[in-house]
Amino acid sequence: QDWRMPNRKELGSIVEGACFDPAINLTLFPATEAKGYWSDSPNNFNEFMAWAINFINGDHVSTSRTNLFAVRLVRQVNP
């Protein structure tokens, strides 16, 4: 019950700018595919869109909620 979707900032924090296709450190995140991953952050200006991270190049993209993107869950850690 402590797993959730990350927000845009959290998901963007694992982008590795020195890497491309995928834009992530594969030692830390093995088997990450170079494609879009959803965040739980909505686009506040358009209810039909939400924010995702494109792990081909690390871009933050606002896109239609109907797109088929992957999900990377994070675990909520309570002190």
C-alpha atoms as a PDB file:
ATOM      1  CA  GLN A   1       0.000   0.000   0.000  1.00  0.00           C
ATOM      2  CA  ASP A   2       2.973   2.341   0.186  1.00  0.00           C
ATOM      3  CA  TRP A   3       3.676   2.373  -3.585  1.00  0.00           C
ATOM      4  CA  ARG A   4       2.594   5.380  -5.665  1.00  0.00           C
ATOM      5  CA  MET A   5       3.245   7.230  -8.896  1.00  0.00           C
ATOM      6  CA  PRO A   6       5.935   9.922  -8.586  1.00  0.00           C
ATOM      7  CA  ASN A   7       5.190  13.546  -9.316  1.00  0.00           C
ATOM      8  CA  ARG A   8       6.872  15.322 -12.227  1.00  0.00           C
ATOM      9  CA  LYS A   9       9.748  16.641 -10.102  1.00  0.00           C
ATOM     10  CA  GLU A  10      10.455  13.268  -8.504  1.00  0.00           C
ATOM     11  CA  LEU A  11      10.409  11.401 -11.816  1.00  0.00           C
ATOM     12  CA  GLY A  12      12.538  14.071 -13.483  1.00  0.00           C
ATOM     13  CA  SER A  13      15.135  13.760 -10.732  1.00  0.00           C
ATOM     14  CA  ILE A  14      16.293  10.378 -12.059  1.00  0.00           C
ATOM     15  CA  VAL A  15      16.981  11.686 -15.571  1.00  0.00           C
ATOM     16  CA  GLU A  16      20.694  11.435 -16.336  1.00  0.00           C
ATOM     17  CA  GLY A  17      21.655  14.314 -18.628  1.00  0.00           C
ATOM     18  CA  ALA A  18      24.866  12.585 -19.752  1.00  0.00           C
ATOM     19  CA  CYS A  19      22.876   9.600 -21.047  1.00  0.00           C
ATOM     20  CA  PHE A  20      20.662   9.240 -24.108  1.00  0.00           C
ATOM     21  CA  ASP A  21      18.285   6.531 -25.282  1.00  0.00           C
ATOM     22  CA  PRO A  22      17.626   5.959 -22.401  1.00  0.00           C
ATOM     23  CA  ALA A  23      18.380   9.160 -20.483  1.00  0.00           C
ATOM     24  CA  ILE A  24      18.939   7.321 -17.213  1.00  0.00           C
ATOM     25  CA  ASN A  25      21.784   5.620 -15.366  1.00  0.00           C
ATOM     26  CA  LEU A  26      21.259   1.959 -16.284  1.00  0.00           C
ATOM     27  CA  THR A  27      23.501   0.821 -13.434  1.00  0.00           C
ATOM     28  CA  LEU A  28      21.056   2.292 -10.921  1.00  0.00           C
ATOM     29  CA  PHE A  29      17.900   1.648 -12.964  1.00  0.00           C
ATOM     30  CA  PRO A  30      18.586  -1.452 -15.087  1.00  0.00           C
ATOM     31  CA  ALA A  31      16.204  -2.478 -17.864  1.00  0.00           C
ATOM     32  CA  THR A  32      14.631   0.995 -18.127  1.00  0.00           C
ATOM     33  CA  GLU A  33      13.164   1.341 -21.592  1.00  0.00           C
ATOM     34  CA  ALA A  34      13.689   4.500 -23.642  1.00  0.00           C
ATOM     35  CA  LYS A  35      10.090   5.719 -23.798  1.00  0.00           C
ATOM     36  CA  GLY A  36       7.581   7.903 -21.984  1.00  0.00           C
ATOM     37  CA  TYR A  37       6.773   7.375 -18.297  1.00  0.00           C
ATOM     38  CA  TRP A  38       3.768   8.961 -16.583  1.00  0.00           C
ATOM     39  CA  SER A  39       3.989  11.147 -13.514  1.00  0.00           C
ATOM     40  CA  ASP A  40       0.983  11.865 -11.315  1.00  0.00           C
ATOM     41  CA  SER A  41       1.214  15.588 -12.128  1.00  0.00           C
ATOM     42  CA  PRO A  42      -1.735  16.950 -14.089  1.00  0.00           C
ATOM     43  CA  ASN A  43      -1.479  19.776 -16.587  1.00  0.00           C
ATOM     44  CA  ASN A  44      -3.278  22.514 -14.659  1.00  0.00           C
ATOM     45  CA  PHE A  45      -4.280  24.307 -17.865  1.00  0.00           C
ATOM     46  CA  ASN A  46      -5.823  21.331 -19.671  1.00  0.00           C
ATOM     47  CA  GLU A  47      -7.727  18.595 -17.828  1.00  0.00           C
ATOM     48  CA  PHE A  48      -7.166  16.140 -20.692  1.00  0.00           C
ATOM     49  CA  MET A  49      -3.372  16.321 -20.377  1.00  0.00           C
ATOM     50  CA  ALA A  50      -0.794  15.266 -17.783  1.00  0.00           C
ATOM     51  CA  TRP A  51       2.984  15.415 -17.380  1.00  0.00           C
ATOM     52  CA  ALA A  52       5.322  12.618 -18.370  1.00  0.00           C
ATOM     53  CA  ILE A  53       9.067  12.197 -18.765  1.00  0.00           C
ATOM     54  CA  ASN A  54      10.449  11.035 -22.087  1.00  0.00           C
ATOM     55  CA  PHE A  55      13.340   8.757 -21.143  1.00  0.00           C
ATOM     56  CA  ILE A  56      14.704   8.777 -24.681  1.00  0.00           C
ATOM     57  CA  ASN A  57      16.125  12.257 -24.105  1.00  0.00           C
ATOM     58  CA  GLY A  58      14.930  13.282 -20.616  1.00  0.00           C
ATOM     59  CA  ASP A  59      12.379  15.883 -21.734  1.00  0.00           C
ATOM     60  CA  HIS A  60       9.376  16.763 -19.589  1.00  0.00           C
ATOM     61  CA  VAL A  61       6.288  16.550 -21.803  1.00  0.00           C
ATOM     62  CA  SER A  62       2.685  17.541 -21.290  1.00  0.00           C
ATOM     63  CA  THR A  63       0.648  15.091 -23.302  1.00  0.00           C
ATOM     64  CA  SER A  64      -2.799  13.586 -23.732  1.00  0.00           C
ATOM     65  CA  ARG A  65      -3.870  11.237 -20.943  1.00  0.00           C
ATOM     66  CA  THR A  66      -4.887   8.738 -23.642  1.00  0.00           C
ATOM     67  CA  ASN A  67      -1.259   8.018 -24.610  1.00  0.00           C
ATOM     68  CA  LEU A  68       0.051   4.612 -23.647  1.00  0.00           C
ATOM     69  CA  PHE A  69       3.111   5.307 -21.527  1.00  0.00           C
ATOM     70  CA  ALA A  70       4.897   3.232 -18.909  1.00  0.00           C
ATOM     71  CA  VAL A  71       4.700   3.780 -15.145  1.00  0.00           C
ATOM     72  CA  ARG A  72       7.576   3.729 -12.667  1.00  0.00           C
ATOM     73  CA  LEU A  73       6.327   3.491  -9.113  1.00  0.00           C
ATOM     74  CA  VAL A  74       8.062   4.870  -6.043  1.00  0.00           C
ATOM     75  CA  ARG A  75       7.744   3.682  -2.507  1.00  0.00           C
ATOM     76  CA  GLN A  76       6.548   6.075   0.151  1.00  0.00           C
ATOM     77  CA  VAL A  77       9.030   6.041   3.030  1.00  0.00           C
ATOM     78  CA  ASN A  78       7.654   7.130   6.381  1.00  0.00           C
ATOM     79  CA  PRO A  79      10.160   8.087   9.084  1.00  0.00           C
END
